[in-house]
């Protein structure tokens, strides 16, 4: 079986103030805000040099970030053309999924695994709307 082709889809962060965090990336690194989702805002979406960055608004129910230096991010999204083939390849290599294939909406299917240092990795298949 050939190894599936993986490409970077997005990086997903969590923040107590998604708008302020988004502003930081815009001002500091020249990111471009492409969307604000929800009223009030539940997610800010940025284009950071070609990388899509999701910044999700969360409250105190989510543990605070570890004091730097620390390991990990919320998750890294890796896009694949065929999620079933990717999951089959991953499991054949002994990688355990923490969440199997889920149909999120008609255009998106996801699965999650844990990578090194507590980094959650999302494998996703996104079809055009």
N, C-alpha and C. Protein backbone atom coordinates (compact mmCIF):
# COMPACT_ATOMS: atom_id res chain seq x y z
N UNK A 1 0.84 -1.17 0.00
CA UNK A 1 0.00 0.00 0.00
C UNK A 1 0.89 1.24 0.00
N UNK A 2 0.61 2.18 -0.89
CA UNK A 2 1.37 3.41 -0.96
C UNK A 2 0.99 4.33 0.21
N UNK A 3 1.97 5.09 0.69
CA UNK A 3 1.71 6.05 1.74
C UNK A 3 0.85 7.17 1.18
N UNK A 4 -0.24 7.55 1.87
CA UNK A 4 -1.09 8.64 1.39
C UNK A 4 -0.32 9.96 1.33
N UNK A 5 -0.79 10.86 0.50
CA UNK A 5 -0.21 12.20 0.40
C UNK A 5 -0.86 13.08 1.46
N UNK A 6 -0.04 13.76 2.26
CA UNK A 6 -0.54 14.65 3.31
C UNK A 6 -0.15 16.08 2.97
N UNK A 7 -1.05 17.00 3.19
CA UNK A 7 -0.76 18.42 3.05
C UNK A 7 -1.29 19.14 4.27
N UNK A 8 -0.69 20.26 4.60
CA UNK A 8 -1.13 21.01 5.76
C UNK A 8 -2.44 21.72 5.45
N UNK A 9 -3.45 21.56 6.30
CA UNK A 9 -4.78 22.15 6.13
C UNK A 9 -4.94 23.38 7.01
N UNK A 10 -4.65 23.26 8.30
CA UNK A 10 -4.81 24.40 9.22
C UNK A 10 -4.15 24.10 10.55
N UNK A 11 -3.97 25.15 11.34
CA UNK A 11 -3.58 25.02 12.73
C UNK A 11 -4.72 25.63 13.54
N UNK A 12 -5.12 24.95 14.61
CA UNK A 12 -6.28 25.34 15.41
C UNK A 12 -5.80 25.69 16.81
N UNK A 13 -6.02 26.93 17.20
CA UNK A 13 -5.64 27.40 18.53
C UNK A 13 -6.89 27.71 19.35
N UNK A 14 -6.73 27.81 20.65
CA UNK A 14 -7.83 28.20 21.53
C UNK A 14 -7.38 29.41 22.33
N UNK A 15 -8.34 30.34 22.58
CA UNK A 15 -8.01 31.57 23.26
C UNK A 15 -9.19 32.05 24.10
N UNK A 16 -8.91 32.72 25.21
CA UNK A 16 -9.99 33.35 25.99
C UNK A 16 -10.50 34.58 25.28
N UNK A 17 -9.73 35.14 24.34
CA UNK A 17 -10.15 36.30 23.56
C UNK A 17 -9.68 36.11 22.12
N UNK A 18 -10.50 35.41 21.33
CA UNK A 18 -10.12 35.07 19.96
C UNK A 18 -9.88 36.30 19.10
N UNK A 19 -10.67 37.35 19.31
CA UNK A 19 -10.51 38.57 18.51
C UNK A 19 -9.18 39.23 18.81
N UNK A 20 -8.84 39.35 20.09
CA UNK A 20 -7.55 39.95 20.46
C UNK A 20 -6.39 39.09 19.97
N UNK A 21 -6.53 37.78 20.09
CA UNK A 21 -5.46 36.89 19.60
C UNK A 21 -5.30 37.04 18.09
N UNK A 22 -6.42 37.10 17.38
CA UNK A 22 -6.36 37.31 15.93
C UNK A 22 -5.67 38.61 15.58
N UNK A 23 -6.02 39.66 16.33
CA UNK A 23 -5.40 40.97 16.11
C UNK A 23 -3.89 40.88 16.29
N UNK A 24 -3.45 40.12 17.30
CA UNK A 24 -2.01 39.94 17.52
C UNK A 24 -1.33 39.36 16.29
N UNK A 25 -1.90 38.29 15.71
CA UNK A 25 -1.29 37.65 14.54
C UNK A 25 -1.31 38.57 13.33
N UNK A 26 -2.37 39.36 13.21
CA UNK A 26 -2.46 40.32 12.11
C UNK A 26 -1.38 41.40 12.27
N UNK A 27 -1.33 41.98 13.46
CA UNK A 27 -0.40 43.08 13.70
C UNK A 27 1.05 42.63 13.76
N UNK A 28 1.29 41.48 14.35
CA UNK A 28 2.66 41.03 14.57
C UNK A 28 3.26 40.37 13.35
N UNK A 29 2.47 39.55 12.66
CA UNK A 29 3.01 38.73 11.57
C UNK A 29 2.41 39.03 10.21
N UNK A 30 1.51 40.01 10.13
CA UNK A 30 0.92 40.35 8.84
C UNK A 30 -0.11 39.36 8.36
N UNK A 31 -0.70 38.58 9.29
CA UNK A 31 -1.78 37.66 8.90
C UNK A 31 -2.95 38.49 8.38
N UNK A 32 -3.81 37.84 7.61
CA UNK A 32 -5.01 38.49 7.08
C UNK A 32 -6.23 37.80 7.65
N UNK A 33 -7.10 38.56 8.31
CA UNK A 33 -8.33 37.97 8.84
C UNK A 33 -9.26 37.68 7.67
N UNK A 34 -9.73 36.43 7.60
CA UNK A 34 -10.61 36.03 6.50
C UNK A 34 -12.04 35.79 6.95
N UNK A 35 -12.26 35.58 8.24
CA UNK A 35 -13.63 35.35 8.72
C UNK A 35 -13.71 35.50 10.23
N UNK A 36 -14.90 35.89 10.66
CA UNK A 36 -15.30 35.82 12.07
C UNK A 36 -16.59 35.03 12.09
N UNK A 37 -16.62 33.98 12.86
CA UNK A 37 -17.77 33.08 12.88
C UNK A 37 -18.48 33.23 14.22
N UNK A 38 -19.81 33.35 14.15
CA UNK A 38 -20.63 33.41 15.35
C UNK A 38 -20.88 34.82 15.85
N UNK A 39 -21.97 34.95 16.61
CA UNK A 39 -22.32 36.20 17.28
C UNK A 39 -22.76 35.83 18.69
N UNK A 40 -22.00 36.06 19.71
CA UNK A 40 -20.67 36.67 19.65
C UNK A 40 -19.66 35.77 18.94
N UNK A 41 -18.49 36.30 18.65
CA UNK A 41 -17.48 35.58 17.88
C UNK A 41 -17.08 34.30 18.61
N UNK A 42 -17.19 33.18 17.90
CA UNK A 42 -16.74 31.90 18.44
C UNK A 42 -15.44 31.44 17.79
N UNK A 43 -15.12 32.02 16.62
CA UNK A 43 -13.89 31.65 15.93
C UNK A 43 -13.46 32.79 15.01
N UNK A 44 -12.16 33.06 15.02
CA UNK A 44 -11.54 33.98 14.08
C UNK A 44 -10.69 33.12 13.15
N UNK A 45 -10.79 33.37 11.86
CA UNK A 45 -10.02 32.61 10.87
C UNK A 45 -9.04 33.56 10.21
N UNK A 46 -7.78 33.13 10.16
CA UNK A 46 -6.72 33.95 9.58
C UNK A 46 -6.01 33.20 8.47
N UNK A 47 -5.43 33.95 7.56
CA UNK A 47 -4.47 33.43 6.59
C UNK A 47 -3.12 33.95 7.04
N UNK A 48 -2.29 33.07 7.49
CA UNK A 48 -0.96 33.43 7.98
C UNK A 48 0.07 32.89 7.00
N UNK A 49 0.40 33.69 6.01
CA UNK A 49 1.38 33.27 5.01
C UNK A 49 1.00 32.01 4.27
N UNK A 50 -0.29 31.86 3.99
CA UNK A 50 -0.77 30.67 3.30
C UNK A 50 -1.25 29.57 4.24
N UNK A 51 -1.01 29.70 5.53
CA UNK A 51 -1.47 28.74 6.53
C UNK A 51 -2.77 29.26 7.12
N UNK A 52 -3.81 28.45 7.10
CA UNK A 52 -5.07 28.83 7.74
C UNK A 52 -4.94 28.59 9.23
N UNK A 53 -5.24 29.62 10.00
CA UNK A 53 -5.15 29.57 11.45
C UNK A 53 -6.54 29.81 12.01
N UNK A 54 -7.09 28.82 12.72
CA UNK A 54 -8.37 28.96 13.41
C UNK A 54 -8.06 29.35 14.86
N UNK A 55 -8.70 30.40 15.35
CA UNK A 55 -8.56 30.76 16.76
C UNK A 55 -9.96 30.69 17.36
N UNK A 56 -10.16 29.70 18.20
CA UNK A 56 -11.46 29.40 18.80
C UNK A 56 -11.60 30.10 20.14
N UNK A 57 -12.73 30.73 20.34
CA UNK A 57 -13.05 31.39 21.61
C UNK A 57 -13.44 30.32 22.64
N UNK A 58 -12.78 30.32 23.79
CA UNK A 58 -13.12 29.38 24.87
C UNK A 58 -13.17 30.12 26.19
N UNK A 59 -13.84 29.52 27.15
CA UNK A 59 -13.96 30.11 28.48
C UNK A 59 -13.12 29.39 29.50
N UNK A 60 -13.45 29.63 30.75
CA UNK A 60 -12.68 29.07 31.86
C UNK A 60 -12.84 27.56 32.01
N UNK A 61 -13.79 26.95 31.28
CA UNK A 61 -13.95 25.50 31.36
C UNK A 61 -12.79 24.75 30.70
N UNK A 62 -12.00 25.47 29.91
CA UNK A 62 -10.82 24.90 29.25
C UNK A 62 -9.61 25.25 30.10
N UNK A 63 -8.75 24.27 30.35
CA UNK A 63 -7.55 24.50 31.16
C UNK A 63 -6.70 25.61 30.55
N UNK A 64 -6.06 26.40 31.39
CA UNK A 64 -5.19 27.46 30.86
C UNK A 64 -3.98 26.84 30.16
N UNK A 65 -3.38 27.65 29.31
CA UNK A 65 -2.17 27.20 28.61
C UNK A 65 -1.07 26.94 29.62
N UNK A 66 -0.22 25.99 29.30
CA UNK A 66 0.92 25.70 30.15
C UNK A 66 1.89 26.87 30.11
N UNK A 67 2.65 27.03 31.18
CA UNK A 67 3.65 28.08 31.23
C UNK A 67 4.79 27.73 30.28
N UNK A 68 5.12 28.61 29.35
CA UNK A 68 6.22 28.31 28.43
C UNK A 68 7.54 28.12 29.17
N UNK A 69 8.41 27.28 28.67
CA UNK A 69 8.18 26.47 27.48
C UNK A 69 7.32 25.25 27.79
N UNK A 70 6.54 24.86 26.83
CA UNK A 70 5.70 23.68 26.98
C UNK A 70 5.59 23.00 25.64
N UNK A 71 5.01 21.83 25.64
CA UNK A 71 4.85 21.07 24.40
C UNK A 71 3.41 21.15 23.94
N UNK A 72 3.22 21.10 22.65
CA UNK A 72 1.90 20.91 22.11
C UNK A 72 1.14 22.16 21.69
N UNK A 73 0.17 21.93 20.84
CA UNK A 73 -0.79 22.92 20.38
C UNK A 73 -2.15 22.23 20.41
N UNK A 74 -3.25 22.95 20.15
CA UNK A 74 -4.57 22.32 20.19
C UNK A 74 -4.64 21.18 19.19
N UNK A 75 -4.45 21.44 17.93
CA UNK A 75 -4.25 20.35 16.98
C UNK A 75 -3.70 20.88 15.67
N UNK A 76 -3.08 20.00 14.94
CA UNK A 76 -2.55 20.28 13.62
C UNK A 76 -3.43 19.53 12.63
N UNK A 77 -3.98 20.23 11.64
CA UNK A 77 -4.85 19.60 10.66
C UNK A 77 -4.10 19.24 9.40
N UNK A 78 -4.17 17.97 9.02
CA UNK A 78 -3.51 17.49 7.82
C UNK A 78 -4.57 17.00 6.84
N UNK A 79 -4.61 17.61 5.68
CA UNK A 79 -5.60 17.26 4.67
C UNK A 79 -5.12 16.08 3.84
N UNK A 80 -6.03 15.16 3.56
CA UNK A 80 -5.74 14.01 2.70
C UNK A 80 -6.85 13.90 1.65
N UNK A 81 -6.54 13.33 0.49
CA UNK A 81 -7.57 13.19 -0.53
C UNK A 81 -8.57 12.08 -0.23
N UNK A 82 -8.16 11.08 0.56
CA UNK A 82 -9.01 9.93 0.87
C UNK A 82 -8.79 9.55 2.33
N UNK A 83 -9.70 9.95 3.21
CA UNK A 83 -9.51 9.73 4.64
C UNK A 83 -9.54 8.24 5.00
N UNK A 84 -10.33 7.45 4.28
CA UNK A 84 -10.38 6.02 4.58
C UNK A 84 -9.04 5.37 4.30
N UNK A 85 -8.40 5.72 3.19
CA UNK A 85 -7.08 5.18 2.88
C UNK A 85 -6.04 5.66 3.89
N UNK A 86 -6.15 6.92 4.30
CA UNK A 86 -5.19 7.46 5.27
C UNK A 86 -5.33 6.74 6.62
N UNK A 87 -6.57 6.58 7.08
CA UNK A 87 -6.80 5.90 8.37
C UNK A 87 -6.34 4.45 8.29
N UNK A 88 -6.60 3.78 7.17
CA UNK A 88 -6.13 2.41 7.01
C UNK A 88 -4.61 2.33 7.08
N UNK A 89 -3.95 3.28 6.44
CA UNK A 89 -2.49 3.32 6.46
C UNK A 89 -1.97 3.57 7.87
N UNK A 90 -2.57 4.54 8.56
CA UNK A 90 -2.13 4.86 9.92
C UNK A 90 -2.30 3.67 10.86
N UNK A 91 -3.47 3.05 10.82
CA UNK A 91 -3.72 1.93 11.73
C UNK A 91 -2.85 0.71 11.36
N UNK A 92 -2.57 0.53 10.08
CA UNK A 92 -1.69 -0.56 9.67
C UNK A 92 -0.28 -0.37 10.21
N UNK A 93 0.10 0.87 10.45
CA UNK A 93 1.42 1.16 11.01
C UNK A 93 1.40 1.23 12.53
N UNK A 94 0.27 0.81 13.13
CA UNK A 94 0.19 0.73 14.58
C UNK A 94 -0.15 2.03 15.28
N UNK A 95 -0.62 3.01 14.54
CA UNK A 95 -1.00 4.29 15.14
C UNK A 95 -2.46 4.21 15.58
N UNK A 96 -2.70 4.52 16.84
CA UNK A 96 -4.04 4.44 17.42
C UNK A 96 -4.77 5.76 17.26
N UNK A 97 -5.98 5.69 16.75
CA UNK A 97 -6.81 6.88 16.64
C UNK A 97 -7.48 7.16 17.99
N UNK A 98 -7.61 8.44 18.34
CA UNK A 98 -8.37 8.80 19.54
C UNK A 98 -9.81 9.12 19.17
N UNK A 99 -10.07 9.35 17.89
CA UNK A 99 -11.43 9.52 17.37
C UNK A 99 -11.41 9.04 15.93
N UNK A 100 -12.27 8.06 15.63
CA UNK A 100 -12.34 7.52 14.28
C UNK A 100 -12.96 8.50 13.31
N UNK A 101 -13.19 8.03 12.10
CA UNK A 101 -13.75 8.89 11.06
C UNK A 101 -15.13 9.38 11.46
N UNK A 102 -15.28 10.70 11.42
CA UNK A 102 -16.54 11.36 11.75
C UNK A 102 -16.96 12.23 10.58
N UNK A 103 -18.21 12.13 10.18
CA UNK A 103 -18.77 12.99 9.14
C UNK A 103 -19.23 14.27 9.84
N UNK A 104 -18.43 15.32 9.77
CA UNK A 104 -18.72 16.57 10.47
C UNK A 104 -19.86 17.31 9.79
N UNK A 105 -19.82 17.36 8.47
CA UNK A 105 -20.88 17.94 7.66
C UNK A 105 -20.77 17.30 6.28
N UNK A 106 -21.65 17.63 5.33
CA UNK A 106 -21.60 16.94 4.04
C UNK A 106 -20.27 17.07 3.29
N UNK A 107 -19.45 18.04 3.68
CA UNK A 107 -18.21 18.29 2.95
C UNK A 107 -16.95 17.97 3.74
N UNK A 108 -17.10 17.51 4.98
CA UNK A 108 -15.94 17.34 5.85
C UNK A 108 -16.03 16.06 6.66
N UNK A 109 -14.96 15.24 6.56
CA UNK A 109 -14.81 14.06 7.41
C UNK A 109 -13.47 14.16 8.12
N UNK A 110 -13.46 13.80 9.40
CA UNK A 110 -12.25 13.93 10.20
C UNK A 110 -11.97 12.68 11.01
N UNK A 111 -10.73 12.56 11.44
CA UNK A 111 -10.29 11.55 12.41
C UNK A 111 -9.14 12.18 13.17
N UNK A 112 -8.95 11.77 14.43
CA UNK A 112 -7.90 12.35 15.26
C UNK A 112 -7.00 11.28 15.85
N UNK A 113 -5.75 11.64 16.01
CA UNK A 113 -4.77 10.80 16.68
C UNK A 113 -3.89 11.70 17.53
N UNK A 114 -3.20 11.12 18.48
CA UNK A 114 -2.26 11.87 19.29
C UNK A 114 -0.86 11.64 18.76
N UNK A 115 -0.15 12.74 18.53
CA UNK A 115 1.24 12.68 18.09
C UNK A 115 2.18 12.84 19.27
N UNK A 116 3.46 12.97 19.01
CA UNK A 116 4.43 13.16 20.08
C UNK A 116 4.16 14.43 20.89
N UNK A 117 4.57 14.41 22.14
CA UNK A 117 4.49 15.57 23.02
C UNK A 117 3.07 16.10 23.20
N UNK A 118 2.09 15.21 23.11
CA UNK A 118 0.72 15.61 23.36
C UNK A 118 0.07 16.42 22.24
N UNK A 119 0.66 16.45 21.07
CA UNK A 119 0.08 17.20 19.95
C UNK A 119 -1.04 16.36 19.34
N UNK A 120 -2.23 16.90 19.32
CA UNK A 120 -3.37 16.25 18.68
C UNK A 120 -3.30 16.54 17.18
N UNK A 121 -3.50 15.52 16.37
CA UNK A 121 -3.41 15.67 14.91
C UNK A 121 -4.75 15.25 14.32
N UNK A 122 -5.29 16.13 13.51
CA UNK A 122 -6.53 15.85 12.78
C UNK A 122 -6.18 15.49 11.35
N UNK A 123 -6.69 14.38 10.89
CA UNK A 123 -6.60 14.01 9.48
C UNK A 123 -7.98 14.29 8.91
N UNK A 124 -8.02 15.04 7.82
CA UNK A 124 -9.32 15.43 7.29
C UNK A 124 -9.39 15.35 5.79
N UNK A 125 -10.59 15.05 5.34
CA UNK A 125 -10.92 15.03 3.92
C UNK A 125 -12.00 16.08 3.73
N UNK A 126 -11.69 17.11 2.96
CA UNK A 126 -12.62 18.21 2.73
C UNK A 126 -12.99 18.22 1.25
N UNK A 127 -14.27 18.12 0.99
CA UNK A 127 -14.79 18.15 -0.38
C UNK A 127 -15.31 19.54 -0.69
N UNK A 128 -15.29 19.94 -1.95
CA UNK A 128 -15.81 21.27 -2.29
C UNK A 128 -17.30 21.40 -1.93
N UNK A 129 -17.67 22.60 -1.52
CA UNK A 129 -19.08 22.87 -1.16
C UNK A 129 -19.95 22.98 -2.39
